[in-house]
Amino acid sequence: MSTKEQELVLTNGHKDSLLQEDSGDFKYKASELKEVVDMDNRYPKEAGSDVKISSDIICNKLGGIQSIADGLQTNLKTGISGTKQDLAER
């Protein structure tokens, strides 16, 4: 897939990329995470299987919900990790 993604035009006229470039100091890239929500991945992994492709990606490729949260430097209870001051400013 091309690195050029569609843009969302906001009401104020600004544009925002629907998929940010793979950047930052995170374990997972945006391009990897988008596979989870790709509508083509909602189908069974194999014929006759109850396991969906997206569920397999979450559990086996990405290591589960906690692993994804840790890789994105996010706390599942409090949100984005940071100092108390940093969190208070968000």
Protein backbone atom coordinates (compact mmCIF):
# COMPACT_ATOMS: atom_id res chain seq x y z
CA MET A 1 0.00 0.00 0.00
CA SER A 2 1.17 3.49 -0.73
CA THR A 3 2.35 5.70 2.13
CA LYS A 4 0.06 8.41 0.77
CA GLU A 5 -3.23 8.19 2.63
CA GLN A 6 -6.56 9.91 2.25
CA GLU A 7 -7.08 13.16 4.10
CA LEU A 8 -10.02 14.15 6.22
CA VAL A 9 -11.15 17.74 5.66
CA LEU A 10 -12.23 19.20 8.99
CA THR A 11 -14.99 21.78 9.42
CA ASN A 12 -12.41 24.51 10.00
CA GLY A 13 -10.86 23.80 6.61
CA HIS A 14 -7.79 22.09 8.03
CA LYS A 15 -6.83 18.69 6.73
CA ASP A 16 -5.79 15.70 8.78
CA SER A 17 -4.30 12.48 7.49
CA LEU A 18 -6.55 9.49 8.19
CA LEU A 19 -3.42 7.47 8.85
CA GLN A 20 -0.46 9.22 10.37
CA GLU A 21 2.97 8.28 9.12
CA ASP A 22 4.73 5.50 11.00
CA SER A 23 6.59 7.60 13.53
CA GLY A 24 7.25 7.94 17.21
CA ASP A 25 8.90 5.66 19.70
CA PHE A 26 6.15 3.06 19.80
CA LYS A 27 6.34 -0.73 19.52
CA TYR A 28 3.61 -0.83 16.87
CA LYS A 29 3.32 1.25 13.71
CA ALA A 30 0.07 2.79 12.46
CA SER A 31 0.28 0.59 9.38
CA GLU A 32 0.32 -2.54 11.59
CA LEU A 33 -2.58 -1.41 13.75
CA LYS A 34 -4.79 -0.51 10.81
CA GLU A 35 -4.92 -4.23 9.92
CA VAL A 36 -7.05 -4.80 13.01
CA VAL A 37 -9.84 -2.51 11.79
CA ASP A 38 -9.57 -3.34 8.08
CA MET A 39 -13.08 -4.49 7.13
CA ASP A 40 -11.64 -7.35 5.06
CA ASN A 41 -10.21 -8.81 8.27
CA ARG A 42 -13.60 -9.36 9.92
CA TYR A 43 -14.00 -12.71 8.18
CA PRO A 44 -12.97 -16.12 9.57
CA LYS A 45 -9.28 -16.92 9.43
CA GLU A 46 -10.01 -20.31 7.90
CA ALA A 47 -13.13 -21.88 6.45
CA GLY A 48 -15.30 -23.23 9.25
CA SER A 49 -13.36 -21.37 11.95
CA ASP A 50 -14.90 -19.03 14.51
CA VAL A 51 -11.62 -17.10 14.79
CA LYS A 52 -11.74 -13.86 12.83
CA ILE A 53 -8.64 -12.54 11.07
CA SER A 54 -8.65 -9.35 13.17
CA SER A 55 -8.93 -11.33 16.43
CA ASP A 56 -5.99 -13.48 15.36
CA ILE A 57 -3.95 -10.33 14.63
CA ILE A 58 -4.78 -8.89 18.08
CA CYS A 59 -4.05 -12.09 20.00
CA ASN A 60 -1.22 -13.72 18.10
CA LYS A 61 0.58 -11.09 16.02
CA LEU A 62 0.27 -8.14 18.44
CA GLY A 63 0.28 -10.15 21.69
CA GLY A 64 -3.12 -9.16 23.08
CA ILE A 65 -4.76 -5.99 24.37
CA GLN A 66 -2.31 -5.35 27.22
CA SER A 67 0.67 -5.79 24.89
CA ILE A 68 -0.84 -3.32 22.43
CA ALA A 69 -1.48 -0.79 25.24
CA ASP A 70 2.06 -1.21 26.56
CA GLY A 71 3.50 -0.87 23.06
CA LEU A 72 1.59 2.39 22.59
CA GLN A 73 2.75 3.62 26.00
CA THR A 74 -0.86 3.70 27.22
CA ASN A 75 -2.29 2.70 30.57
CA LEU A 76 -5.63 0.89 30.17
CA LYS A 77 -6.95 2.43 33.42
CA THR A 78 -5.69 6.01 33.19
CA GLY A 79 -5.09 6.52 29.47
CA ILE A 80 -1.87 7.85 28.02
CA SER A 81 1.02 7.43 30.42
CA GLY A 82 2.93 10.40 31.69
CA THR A 83 3.81 12.37 34.78
CA LYS A 84 1.01 13.66 37.05
CA GLN A 85 1.59 17.15 35.66
CA ASP A 86 1.55 15.86 32.08
CA LEU A 87 -1.70 13.98 32.67
CA ALA A 88 -3.27 17.01 34.38
CA GLU A 89 -2.44 19.18 31.35
CA ARG A 90 -4.16 16.83 28.88
